[in-house]
């Protein structure tokens, strides 16, 4: 990345960029069942892109994304959308595969079911990323929608440079091995999971506790990292391995769609961490942002601005 005239990013997201096809249904289809929807929306998504947007909207800090899109209309639209958000897409490569696509069904209760066709995301490579992004002042954000080896390579480069690494273990790969989990967590600063992902990580690493708090504490102790577990309406648990966990309450809202809540939490948390907030302060801010993101349909379309988050925090 050229230095002249370009502000160097502090939040660096390495991950997936997708186009989301979203429909509303009375109930999520069961195996073998067809459910009709009157219409669908085409939105921009991918966990990496979503988290980058959440970070950018919630902070004045610069944000960069690295990954890959296809040489197609969907990819060009996704890149343009990120550019319009003010996100640096210099390291977003154009790949031979088609742009990733997610198929999302949302039921009347706001719950969702998602199928992702990875496409170009599987061509994202850590070696092609500008070395200047790996720096002490940076917070690297990872998810599990690109190849695990590339995530690990990026995490190790950032750790070696003295930066911090936030890994969102979502979605948990069905074939994730214990040694692979241990490797990525050894190169990470913070692990963010929802309750299901927390259980999966604990089962893979054989660190399962009697409660979510006990499980988070065991993972934090075993891997010497901070573990943050998002529990939906029940708020957030933070474990640092000390044996004590911190609870952060969620903001009560009328839920319309939970699709982007998790990604909003991760992005807002990362921007708060980069701004110098403590883990607990960044998590409190992120919990409010995630709650606000449940008020509208979609992921990026529902993500709140910094002003909205600050106003909600002030009124708590």
C-alpha atoms as a PDB file:
ATOM      1  CA  UNK A   1       0.000   0.000   0.000  1.00  0.00           C
ATOM      2  CA  UNK A   2       1.508   3.365  -0.924  1.00  0.00           C
ATOM      3  CA  UNK A   3       2.061   5.582   2.077  1.00  0.00           C
ATOM      4  CA  UNK A   4       1.805   8.986   0.407  1.00  0.00           C
ATOM      5  CA  UNK A   5      -1.687  10.438   0.710  1.00  0.00           C
ATOM      6  CA  UNK A   6      -3.185   7.270   2.193  1.00  0.00           C
ATOM      7  CA  UNK A   7      -3.964   6.879   5.862  1.00  0.00           C
ATOM      8  CA  UNK A   8      -2.622   3.561   7.106  1.00  0.00           C
ATOM      9  CA  UNK A   9      -5.328   1.302   8.477  1.00  0.00           C
ATOM     10  CA  UNK A  10      -5.575   0.358  12.130  1.00  0.00           C
ATOM     11  CA  UNK A  11      -8.371  -2.230  11.824  1.00  0.00           C
ATOM     12  CA  UNK A  12      -7.442  -4.854   9.226  1.00  0.00           C
ATOM     13  CA  UNK A  13     -10.023  -7.486   8.281  1.00  0.00           C
ATOM     14  CA  UNK A  14      -8.841 -10.556   6.378  1.00  0.00           C
ATOM     15  CA  UNK A  15     -11.857 -12.561   5.285  1.00  0.00           C
ATOM     16  CA  UNK A  16     -14.809 -13.273   3.082  1.00  0.00           C
ATOM     17  CA  UNK A  17     -16.760 -11.002   0.752  1.00  0.00           C
ATOM     18  CA  UNK A  18     -20.135 -12.288  -0.446  1.00  0.00           C
ATOM     19  CA  UNK A  19     -23.373 -11.196  -2.020  1.00  0.00           C
ATOM     20  CA  UNK A  20     -26.402 -12.160   0.104  1.00  0.00           C
ATOM     21  CA  UNK A  21     -29.718 -13.289  -1.364  1.00  0.00           C
ATOM     22  CA  UNK A  22     -32.231 -12.790   1.452  1.00  0.00           C
ATOM     23  CA  UNK A  23     -35.865 -13.885   1.671  1.00  0.00           C
ATOM     24  CA  UNK A  24     -38.502 -13.783   4.421  1.00  0.00           C
ATOM     25  CA  UNK A  25     -40.375 -17.018   5.138  1.00  0.00           C
ATOM     26  CA  UNK A  26     -43.042 -18.061   7.675  1.00  0.00           C
ATOM     27  CA  UNK A  27     -40.725 -20.818   8.924  1.00  0.00           C
ATOM     28  CA  UNK A  28     -37.288 -22.137   8.006  1.00  0.00           C
ATOM     29  CA  UNK A  29     -37.553 -25.061   5.567  1.00  0.00           C
ATOM     30  CA  UNK A  30     -36.946 -28.520   7.020  1.00  0.00           C
ATOM     31  CA  UNK A  31     -35.058 -31.210   5.069  1.00  0.00           C
ATOM     32  CA  UNK A  32     -37.112 -32.175   2.002  1.00  0.00           C
ATOM     33  CA  UNK A  33     -39.481 -29.222   2.424  1.00  0.00           C
ATOM     34  CA  UNK A  34     -40.021 -26.277   0.063  1.00  0.00           C
ATOM     35  CA  UNK A  35     -41.075 -22.946   1.562  1.00  0.00           C
ATOM     36  CA  UNK A  36     -42.302 -20.098  -0.645  1.00  0.00           C
ATOM     37  CA  UNK A  37     -41.352 -16.442  -0.254  1.00  0.00           C
ATOM     38  CA  UNK A  38     -42.980 -13.545  -2.088  1.00  0.00           C
ATOM     39  CA  UNK A  39     -39.689 -11.799  -2.887  1.00  0.00           C
ATOM     40  CA  UNK A  40     -35.972 -11.630  -2.144  1.00  0.00           C
ATOM     41  CA  UNK A  41     -33.371  -8.909  -1.671  1.00  0.00           C
ATOM     42  CA  UNK A  42     -29.807  -8.813  -2.993  1.00  0.00           C
ATOM     43  CA  UNK A  43     -27.500  -7.389  -0.351  1.00  0.00           C
ATOM     44  CA  UNK A  44     -23.762  -7.278   0.244  1.00  0.00           C
ATOM     45  CA  UNK A  45     -22.280  -9.499   2.921  1.00  0.00           C
ATOM     46  CA  UNK A  46     -19.669 -12.087   3.808  1.00  0.00           C
ATOM     47  CA  UNK A  47     -18.415 -12.200   7.379  1.00  0.00           C
ATOM     48  CA  UNK A  48     -15.215 -10.370   6.512  1.00  0.00           C
ATOM     49  CA  UNK A  49     -16.978  -7.575   4.635  1.00  0.00           C
ATOM     50  CA  UNK A  50     -19.666  -7.319   7.312  1.00  0.00           C
ATOM     51  CA  UNK A  51     -17.127  -6.964  10.098  1.00  0.00           C
ATOM     52  CA  UNK A  52     -15.178  -4.373   8.132  1.00  0.00           C
ATOM     53  CA  UNK A  53     -18.340  -2.314   7.600  1.00  0.00           C
ATOM     54  CA  UNK A  54     -19.251  -2.555  11.294  1.00  0.00           C
ATOM     55  CA  UNK A  55     -15.749  -1.443  12.277  1.00  0.00           C
ATOM     56  CA  UNK A  56     -15.770   1.475   9.835  1.00  0.00           C
ATOM     57  CA  UNK A  57     -19.212   2.772  10.798  1.00  0.00           C
ATOM     58  CA  UNK A  58     -18.486   2.586  14.516  1.00  0.00           C
ATOM     59  CA  UNK A  59     -15.144   4.381  14.459  1.00  0.00           C
ATOM     60  CA  UNK A  60     -13.214   7.246  12.953  1.00  0.00           C
ATOM     61  CA  UNK A  61     -10.248   4.916  12.524  1.00  0.00           C
ATOM     62  CA  UNK A  62      -9.270   3.697   9.043  1.00  0.00           C
ATOM     63  CA  UNK A  63     -10.261   0.156   8.110  1.00  0.00           C
ATOM     64  CA  UNK A  64      -8.805  -2.114   5.413  1.00  0.00           C
ATOM     65  CA  UNK A  65     -10.005  -5.431   4.037  1.00  0.00           C
ATOM     66  CA  UNK A  66      -8.054  -8.197   2.318  1.00  0.00           C
ATOM     67  CA  UNK A  67      -9.686 -11.114   0.521  1.00  0.00           C
ATOM     68  CA  UNK A  68     -10.936 -11.981  -2.961  1.00  0.00           C
ATOM     69  CA  UNK A  69     -13.949 -11.433  -5.217  1.00  0.00           C
ATOM     70  CA  UNK A  70     -14.722 -12.714  -8.688  1.00  0.00           C
ATOM     71  CA  UNK A  71     -14.294 -10.892 -11.983  1.00  0.00           C
ATOM     72  CA  UNK A  72     -18.059 -10.488 -12.276  1.00  0.00           C
ATOM     73  CA  UNK A  73     -20.810  -7.958 -11.656  1.00  0.00           C
ATOM     74  CA  UNK A  74     -21.382  -9.204  -8.123  1.00  0.00           C
ATOM     75  CA  UNK A  75     -17.710  -8.788  -7.260  1.00  0.00           C
ATOM     76  CA  UNK A  76     -17.494  -5.329  -8.771  1.00  0.00           C
ATOM     77  CA  UNK A  77     -20.622  -4.324  -6.877  1.00  0.00           C
ATOM     78  CA  UNK A  78     -19.265  -5.691  -3.598  1.00  0.00           C
ATOM     79  CA  UNK A  79     -15.970  -3.847  -4.060  1.00  0.00           C
ATOM     80  CA  UNK A  80     -17.781  -0.608  -4.903  1.00  0.00           C
ATOM     81  CA  UNK A  81     -19.990  -0.986  -1.823  1.00  0.00           C
ATOM     82  CA  UNK A  82     -16.924  -1.342   0.437  1.00  0.00           C
ATOM     83  CA  UNK A  83     -15.267   1.634  -1.253  1.00  0.00           C
ATOM     84  CA  UNK A  84     -18.405   3.680  -0.621  1.00  0.00           C
ATOM     85  CA  UNK A  85     -18.153   2.827   3.096  1.00  0.00           C
ATOM     86  CA  UNK A  86     -14.666   4.309   3.149  1.00  0.00           C
ATOM     87  CA  UNK A  87     -12.927   0.936   3.517  1.00  0.00           C
ATOM     88  CA  UNK A  88      -9.528   0.461   1.873  1.00  0.00           C
ATOM     89  CA  UNK A  89      -9.932  -2.330  -0.716  1.00  0.00           C
ATOM     90  CA  UNK A  90      -6.384  -2.160  -2.091  1.00  0.00           C
ATOM     91  CA  UNK A  91      -5.765  -5.727  -0.887  1.00  0.00           C
ATOM     92  CA  UNK A  92      -9.067  -7.144  -2.148  1.00  0.00           C
ATOM     93  CA  UNK A  93      -7.923  -9.355  -5.027  1.00  0.00           C
ATOM     94  CA  UNK A  94      -9.839 -10.322  -8.173  1.00  0.00           C
ATOM     95  CA  UNK A  95      -9.893 -14.116  -8.443  1.00  0.00           C
ATOM     96  CA  UNK A  96     -10.700 -16.659 -11.139  1.00  0.00           C
ATOM     97  CA  UNK A  97     -13.665 -18.088  -9.208  1.00  0.00           C
ATOM     98  CA  UNK A  98     -17.046 -16.369  -9.049  1.00  0.00           C
ATOM     99  CA  UNK A  99     -17.833 -14.059  -6.144  1.00  0.00           C
ATOM    100  CA  UNK A 100     -19.039 -15.842  -3.007  1.00  0.00           C
ATOM    101  CA  UNK A 101     -22.794 -15.944  -2.446  1.00  0.00           C
ATOM    102  CA  UNK A 102     -24.914 -16.544   0.672  1.00  0.00           C
ATOM    103  CA  UNK A 103     -28.519 -17.767   0.599  1.00  0.00           C
ATOM    104  CA  UNK A 104     -30.362 -16.533   3.686  1.00  0.00           C
ATOM    105  CA  UNK A 105     -33.870 -17.390   4.863  1.00  0.00           C
ATOM    106  CA  UNK A 106     -35.357 -15.382   7.767  1.00  0.00           C
ATOM    107  CA  UNK A 107     -38.448 -16.582   9.610  1.00  0.00           C
ATOM    108  CA  UNK A 108     -41.188 -14.606  11.357  1.00  0.00           C
ATOM    109  CA  UNK A 109     -39.297 -14.756  14.668  1.00  0.00           C
ATOM    110  CA  UNK A 110     -36.208 -13.152  13.143  1.00  0.00           C
ATOM    111  CA  UNK A 111     -34.139 -16.360  13.222  1.00  0.00           C
ATOM    112  CA  UNK A 112     -32.199 -17.342  10.100  1.00  0.00           C
ATOM    113  CA  UNK A 113     -30.715 -20.232   8.152  1.00  0.00           C
ATOM    114  CA  UNK A 114     -27.729 -19.542   5.888  1.00  0.00           C
ATOM    115  CA  UNK A 115     -25.977 -21.515   3.140  1.00  0.00           C
ATOM    116  CA  UNK A 116     -22.763 -20.057   1.714  1.00  0.00           C
ATOM    117  CA  UNK A 117     -21.135 -20.828  -1.659  1.00  0.00           C
ATOM    118  CA  UNK A 118     -17.529 -19.765  -0.984  1.00  0.00           C
ATOM    119  CA  UNK A 119     -16.368 -19.145  -4.560  1.00  0.00           C
ATOM    120  CA  UNK A 120     -13.565 -16.572  -4.772  1.00  0.00           C
ATOM    121  CA  UNK A 121     -13.156 -16.490  -0.991  1.00  0.00           C
ATOM    122  CA  UNK A 122     -11.181 -19.716  -1.195  1.00  0.00           C
ATOM    123  CA  UNK A 123      -8.562 -17.912  -3.294  1.00  0.00           C
ATOM    124  CA  UNK A 124      -7.812 -15.275  -0.640  1.00  0.00           C
ATOM    125  CA  UNK A 125      -4.105 -15.465   0.223  1.00  0.00           C
ATOM    126  CA  UNK A 126      -2.174 -13.994   3.151  1.00  0.00           C
ATOM    127  CA  UNK A 127       1.099 -13.870   1.194  1.00  0.00           C
ATOM    128  CA  UNK A 128      -0.357 -11.345  -1.251  1.00  0.00           C
ATOM    129  CA  UNK A 129      -1.309  -8.845   1.475  1.00  0.00           C
ATOM    130  CA  UNK A 130       0.712  -5.650   1.739  1.00  0.00           C
ATOM    131  CA  UNK A 131       3.272  -6.116   4.555  1.00  0.00           C
ATOM    132  CA  UNK A 132       2.561  -2.620   5.897  1.00  0.00           C
ATOM    133  CA  UNK A 133      -0.794  -3.860   7.217  1.00  0.00           C
ATOM    134  CA  UNK A 134       1.011  -6.105   9.695  1.00  0.00           C
ATOM    135  CA  UNK A 135       2.062  -3.590  12.328  1.00  0.00           C
ATOM    136  CA  UNK A 136       2.041  -3.060  16.069  1.00  0.00           C
ATOM    137  CA  UNK A 137      -0.842  -0.580  16.039  1.00  0.00           C
ATOM    138  CA  UNK A 138      -3.099  -2.849  13.981  1.00  0.00           C
ATOM    139  CA  UNK A 139      -5.936  -5.122  15.068  1.00  0.00           C
ATOM    140  CA  UNK A 140      -6.339  -8.058  12.682  1.00  0.00           C
ATOM    141  CA  UNK A 141      -9.810  -9.586  12.437  1.00  0.00           C
ATOM    142  CA  UNK A 142     -10.296 -13.159  11.163  1.00  0.00           C
ATOM    143  CA  UNK A 143     -13.271 -15.474  10.572  1.00  0.00           C
ATOM    144  CA  UNK A 144     -13.619 -18.995   9.189  1.00  0.00           C
ATOM    145  CA  UNK A 145     -14.980 -18.405   5.674  1.00  0.00           C
ATOM    146  CA  UNK A 146     -11.581 -18.497   3.965  1.00  0.00           C
ATOM    147  CA  UNK A 147      -8.941 -21.247   4.006  1.00  0.00           C
ATOM    148  CA  UNK A 148      -7.699 -22.045   7.507  1.00  0.00           C
ATOM    149  CA  UNK A 149      -4.054 -22.096   6.459  1.00  0.00           C
ATOM    150  CA  UNK A 150      -4.329 -18.542   5.141  1.00  0.00           C
ATOM    151  CA  UNK A 151      -5.933 -17.380   8.398  1.00  0.00           C
ATOM    152  CA  UNK A 152      -3.109 -18.960  10.365  1.00  0.00           C
ATOM    153  CA  UNK A 153      -0.453 -17.368   8.156  1.00  0.00           C
ATOM    154  CA  UNK A 154      -2.016 -13.929   8.607  1.00  0.00           C
ATOM    155  CA  UNK A 155      -2.374 -14.388  12.378  1.00  0.00           C
ATOM    156  CA  UNK A 156       1.273 -15.410  12.737  1.00  0.00           C
ATOM    157  CA  UNK A 157       2.454 -12.450  10.671  1.00  0.00           C
ATOM    158  CA  UNK A 158       0.445 -10.024  12.788  1.00  0.00           C
ATOM    159  CA  UNK A 159       1.640 -11.589  16.051  1.00  0.00           C
ATOM    160  CA  UNK A 160       5.234 -11.390  14.858  1.00  0.00           C
ATOM    161  CA  UNK A 161       4.721  -7.709  14.062  1.00  0.00           C
ATOM    162  CA  UNK A 162       3.418  -7.058  17.581  1.00  0.00           C
ATOM    163  CA  UNK A 163      -0.207  -6.441  16.563  1.00  0.00           C
ATOM    164  CA  UNK A 164      -3.334  -7.967  18.068  1.00  0.00           C
ATOM    165  CA  UNK A 165      -5.457 -10.709  16.513  1.00  0.00           C
ATOM    166  CA  UNK A 166      -9.203 -11.144  17.019  1.00  0.00           C
ATOM    167  CA  UNK A 167     -10.469 -14.480  15.685  1.00  0.00           C
ATOM    168  CA  UNK A 168     -14.183 -15.105  15.265  1.00  0.00           C
ATOM    169  CA  UNK A 169     -14.593 -18.880  15.112  1.00  0.00           C
ATOM    170  CA  UNK A 170     -17.550 -18.684  12.755  1.00  0.00           C
ATOM    171  CA  UNK A 171     -18.657 -20.776  11.115  1.00  0.00           C
ATOM    172  CA  UNK A 172     -16.883 -23.637  12.892  1.00  0.00           C
ATOM    173  CA  UNK A 173     -15.534 -25.970  10.165  1.00  0.00           C
ATOM    174  CA  UNK A 174     -17.005 -29.449  10.537  1.00  0.00           C
ATOM    175  CA  UNK A 175     -13.556 -31.012  10.112  1.00  0.00           C
ATOM    176  CA  UNK A 176     -11.620 -28.611  12.366  1.00  0.00           C
ATOM    177  CA  UNK A 177      -8.989 -30.623  14.265  1.00  0.00           C
ATOM    178  CA  UNK A 178      -7.726 -30.032  17.780  1.00  0.00           C
ATOM    179  CA  UNK A 179      -4.226 -29.169  16.568  1.00  0.00           C
ATOM    180  CA  UNK A 180      -5.589 -26.670  14.025  1.00  0.00           C
ATOM    181  CA  UNK A 181      -7.665 -24.928  16.680  1.00  0.00           C
ATOM    182  CA  UNK A 182      -4.678 -24.817  19.007  1.00  0.00           C
ATOM    183  CA  UNK A 183      -2.492 -23.279  16.272  1.00  0.00           C
ATOM    184  CA  UNK A 184      -4.865 -20.433  15.418  1.00  0.00           C
ATOM    185  CA  UNK A 185      -5.580 -19.658  19.088  1.00  0.00           C
ATOM    186  CA  UNK A 186      -1.856 -19.658  19.897  1.00  0.00           C
ATOM    187  CA  UNK A 187      -1.481 -16.807  17.389  1.00  0.00           C
ATOM    188  CA  UNK A 188      -4.550 -14.896  18.627  1.00  0.00           C
ATOM    189  CA  UNK A 189      -5.303 -12.349  21.319  1.00  0.00           C
ATOM    190  CA  UNK A 190      -9.091 -12.647  21.571  1.00  0.00           C
ATOM    191  CA  UNK A 191     -11.494 -15.445  20.605  1.00  0.00           C
ATOM    192  CA  UNK A 192     -15.095 -14.420  19.879  1.00  0.00           C
ATOM    193  CA  UNK A 193     -17.784 -17.116  19.670  1.00  0.00           C
ATOM    194  CA  UNK A 194     -21.530 -17.505  20.106  1.00  0.00           C
ATOM    195  CA  UNK A 195     -22.900 -20.158  22.439  1.00  0.00           C
ATOM    196  CA  UNK A 196     -22.928 -22.906  19.798  1.00  0.00           C
ATOM    197  CA  UNK A 197     -19.401 -22.054  18.635  1.00  0.00           C
ATOM    198  CA  UNK A 198     -18.227 -21.957  22.248  1.00  0.00           C
ATOM    199  CA  UNK A 199     -19.496 -25.500  22.729  1.00  0.00           C
ATOM    200  CA  UNK A 200     -17.860 -26.642  19.482  1.00  0.00           C
ATOM    201  CA  UNK A 201     -14.496 -25.119  20.430  1.00  0.00           C
ATOM    202  CA  UNK A 202     -14.712 -26.724  23.856  1.00  0.00           C
ATOM    203  CA  UNK A 203     -15.549 -30.141  22.432  1.00  0.00           C
ATOM    204  CA  UNK A 204     -12.741 -29.967  19.874  1.00  0.00           C
ATOM    205  CA  UNK A 205     -10.203 -28.930  22.519  1.00  0.00           C
ATOM    206  CA  UNK A 206     -11.724 -31.073  25.287  1.00  0.00           C
ATOM    207  CA  UNK A 207     -12.267 -28.019  27.472  1.00  0.00           C
ATOM    208  CA  UNK A 208     -16.004 -28.310  28.135  1.00  0.00           C
ATOM    209  CA  UNK A 209     -17.316 -26.828  31.408  1.00  0.00           C
ATOM    210  CA  UNK A 210     -20.650 -27.207  33.183  1.00  0.00           C
ATOM    211  CA  UNK A 211     -21.834 -23.744  32.113  1.00  0.00           C
ATOM    212  CA  UNK A 212     -20.968 -21.327  29.296  1.00  0.00           C
ATOM    213  CA  UNK A 213     -18.997 -19.235  31.806  1.00  0.00           C
ATOM    214  CA  UNK A 214     -17.011 -22.250  33.001  1.00  0.00           C
ATOM    215  CA  UNK A 215     -16.364 -23.344  29.432  1.00  0.00           C
ATOM    216  CA  UNK A 216     -15.165 -19.889  28.394  1.00  0.00           C
ATOM    217  CA  UNK A 217     -12.861 -19.780  31.423  1.00  0.00           C
ATOM    218  CA  UNK A 218     -11.386 -23.193  30.629  1.00  0.00           C
ATOM    219  CA  UNK A 219     -10.680 -22.166  27.025  1.00  0.00           C
ATOM    220  CA  UNK A 220      -9.120 -18.894  28.177  1.00  0.00           C
ATOM    221  CA  UNK A 221      -6.863 -20.717  30.638  1.00  0.00           C
ATOM    222  CA  UNK A 222      -5.857 -23.441  28.218  1.00  0.00           C
ATOM    223  CA  UNK A 223      -4.898 -21.140  25.355  1.00  0.00           C
ATOM    224  CA  UNK A 224      -3.854 -18.036  27.336  1.00  0.00           C
ATOM    225  CA  UNK A 225      -6.273 -15.775  25.470  1.00  0.00           C
ATOM    226  CA  UNK A 226      -9.369 -13.735  26.224  1.00  0.00           C
ATOM    227  CA  UNK A 227     -12.586 -15.543  25.320  1.00  0.00           C
ATOM    228  CA  UNK A 228     -15.743 -13.578  24.561  1.00  0.00           C
ATOM    229  CA  UNK A 229     -18.999 -15.541  24.250  1.00  0.00           C
ATOM    230  CA  UNK A 230     -22.038 -13.757  22.798  1.00  0.00           C
ATOM    231  CA  UNK A 231     -25.281 -15.175  24.183  1.00  0.00           C
ATOM    232  CA  UNK A 232     -27.941 -13.273  22.245  1.00  0.00           C
ATOM    233  CA  UNK A 233     -30.506 -11.574  24.480  1.00  0.00           C
ATOM    234  CA  UNK A 234     -28.594 -12.808  27.533  1.00  0.00           C
ATOM    235  CA  UNK A 235     -25.643 -10.570  26.701  1.00  0.00           C
ATOM    236  CA  UNK A 236     -21.942 -11.347  26.613  1.00  0.00           C
ATOM    237  CA  UNK A 237     -19.471 -13.289  28.771  1.00  0.00           C
ATOM    238  CA  UNK A 238     -15.797 -12.324  28.991  1.00  0.00           C
ATOM    239  CA  UNK A 239     -13.230 -14.782  30.365  1.00  0.00           C
ATOM    240  CA  UNK A 240      -9.536 -13.953  30.761  1.00  0.00           C
ATOM    241  CA  UNK A 241      -8.441 -17.183  32.435  1.00  0.00           C
ATOM    242  CA  UNK A 242      -8.389 -15.716  35.941  1.00  0.00           C
ATOM    243  CA  UNK A 243     -11.312 -17.867  37.060  1.00  0.00           C
ATOM    244  CA  UNK A 244     -13.673 -14.887  37.049  1.00  0.00           C
ATOM    245  CA  UNK A 245     -15.978 -13.993  34.156  1.00  0.00           C
ATOM    246  CA  UNK A 246     -17.473 -10.604  33.332  1.00  0.00           C
ATOM    247  CA  UNK A 247     -21.053 -10.290  32.118  1.00  0.00           C
ATOM    248  CA  UNK A 248     -22.148  -7.518  29.757  1.00  0.00           C
ATOM    249  CA  UNK A 249     -25.900  -7.052  29.310  1.00  0.00           C
ATOM    250  CA  UNK A 250     -27.504  -6.824  25.887  1.00  0.00           C
ATOM    251  CA  UNK A 251     -29.606  -3.809  24.922  1.00  0.00           C
ATOM    252  CA  UNK A 252     -33.318  -4.767  24.756  1.00  0.00           C
ATOM    253  CA  UNK A 253     -34.698  -4.184  21.250  1.00  0.00           C
ATOM    254  CA  UNK A 254     -37.570  -5.396  19.084  1.00  0.00           C
ATOM    255  CA  UNK A 255     -35.868  -8.079  16.989  1.00  0.00           C
ATOM    256  CA  UNK A 256     -36.512  -8.056  13.243  1.00  0.00           C
ATOM    257  CA  UNK A 257     -33.483  -9.991  11.953  1.00  0.00           C
ATOM    258  CA  UNK A 258     -30.428 -11.372  13.786  1.00  0.00           C
ATOM    259  CA  UNK A 259     -28.380 -12.026  10.608  1.00  0.00           C
ATOM    260  CA  UNK A 260     -25.771  -9.323  11.137  1.00  0.00           C
ATOM    261  CA  UNK A 261     -25.662  -9.178  14.934  1.00  0.00           C
ATOM    262  CA  UNK A 262     -22.612 -11.392  15.389  1.00  0.00           C
ATOM    263  CA  UNK A 263     -20.571  -9.643  12.710  1.00  0.00           C
ATOM    264  CA  UNK A 264     -21.573  -6.260  14.088  1.00  0.00           C
ATOM    265  CA  UNK A 265     -20.308  -7.289  17.517  1.00  0.00           C
ATOM    266  CA  UNK A 266     -16.946  -8.390  16.121  1.00  0.00           C
ATOM    267  CA  UNK A 267     -16.415  -5.274  14.008  1.00  0.00           C
ATOM    268  CA  UNK A 268     -17.458  -2.829  16.710  1.00  0.00           C
ATOM    269  CA  UNK A 269     -15.347  -4.690  19.273  1.00  0.00           C
ATOM    270  CA  UNK A 270     -12.275  -4.562  17.025  1.00  0.00           C
ATOM    271  CA  UNK A 271     -12.644  -0.839  16.398  1.00  0.00           C
ATOM    272  CA  UNK A 272     -13.036  -0.196  20.120  1.00  0.00           C
ATOM    273  CA  UNK A 273      -9.947  -2.237  20.870  1.00  0.00           C
ATOM    274  CA  UNK A 274      -7.989  -0.323  18.224  1.00  0.00           C
ATOM    275  CA  UNK A 275      -9.176   2.967  19.733  1.00  0.00           C
ATOM    276  CA  UNK A 276      -7.615   1.998  23.056  1.00  0.00           C
ATOM    277  CA  UNK A 277     -10.678   0.776  24.971  1.00  0.00           C
ATOM    278  CA  UNK A 278     -10.262  -2.085  27.425  1.00  0.00           C
ATOM    279  CA  UNK A 279     -11.671  -5.466  26.448  1.00  0.00           C
ATOM    280  CA  UNK A 280     -14.673  -4.946  28.756  1.00  0.00           C
ATOM    281  CA  UNK A 281     -15.341  -1.431  27.434  1.00  0.00           C
ATOM    282  CA  UNK A 282     -15.028  -2.551  23.820  1.00  0.00           C
ATOM    283  CA  UNK A 283     -17.358  -5.507  24.503  1.00  0.00           C
ATOM    284  CA  UNK A 284     -19.944  -3.270  26.153  1.00  0.00           C
ATOM    285  CA  UNK A 285     -19.933  -0.989  23.124  1.00  0.00           C
ATOM    286  CA  UNK A 286     -20.065  -3.960  20.769  1.00  0.00           C
ATOM    287  CA  UNK A 287     -22.998  -5.525  22.633  1.00  0.00           C
ATOM    288  CA  UNK A 288     -25.009  -2.345  22.118  1.00  0.00           C
ATOM    289  CA  UNK A 289     -24.052  -2.230  18.439  1.00  0.00           C
ATOM    290  CA  UNK A 290     -25.070  -5.867  17.942  1.00  0.00           C
ATOM    291  CA  UNK A 291     -28.444  -5.266  19.602  1.00  0.00           C
ATOM    292  CA  UNK A 292     -29.108  -2.249  17.387  1.00  0.00           C
ATOM    293  CA  UNK A 293     -28.279  -4.350  14.301  1.00  0.00           C
ATOM    294  CA  UNK A 294     -31.246  -6.629  15.059  1.00  0.00           C
ATOM    295  CA  UNK A 295     -33.792  -3.890  14.330  1.00  0.00           C
ATOM    296  CA  UNK A 296     -33.594  -4.129  10.515  1.00  0.00           C
ATOM    297  CA  UNK A 297     -33.383  -6.794   7.792  1.00  0.00           C
ATOM    298  CA  UNK A 298     -29.963  -7.727   6.484  1.00  0.00           C
ATOM    299  CA  UNK A 299     -26.414  -7.585   7.739  1.00  0.00           C
ATOM    300  CA  UNK A 300     -24.644  -4.447   6.463  1.00  0.00           C
ATOM    301  CA  UNK A 301     -27.941  -2.649   5.884  1.00  0.00           C
ATOM    302  CA  UNK A 302     -28.776  -3.009   9.588  1.00  0.00           C
ATOM    303  CA  UNK A 303     -25.422  -2.001  11.089  1.00  0.00           C
ATOM    304  CA  UNK A 304     -25.557   1.121  13.250  1.00  0.00           C
ATOM    305  CA  UNK A 305     -23.425   4.224  13.038  1.00  0.00           C
ATOM    306  CA  UNK A 306     -21.077   5.439  15.764  1.00  0.00           C
ATOM    307  CA  UNK A 307     -23.598   8.144  16.665  1.00  0.00           C
ATOM    308  CA  UNK A 308     -26.378   5.576  17.135  1.00  0.00           C
ATOM    309  CA  UNK A 309     -24.171   3.426  19.345  1.00  0.00           C
ATOM    310  CA  UNK A 310     -23.046   6.383  21.447  1.00  0.00           C
ATOM    311  CA  UNK A 311     -26.637   7.580  21.863  1.00  0.00           C
ATOM    312  CA  UNK A 312     -27.779   4.130  22.998  1.00  0.00           C
ATOM    313  CA  UNK A 313     -24.875   3.883  25.450  1.00  0.00           C
ATOM    314  CA  UNK A 314     -25.708   7.292  26.885  1.00  0.00           C
ATOM    315  CA  UNK A 315     -29.334   6.254  27.464  1.00  0.00           C
ATOM    316  CA  UNK A 316     -28.599   2.948  29.214  1.00  0.00           C
END
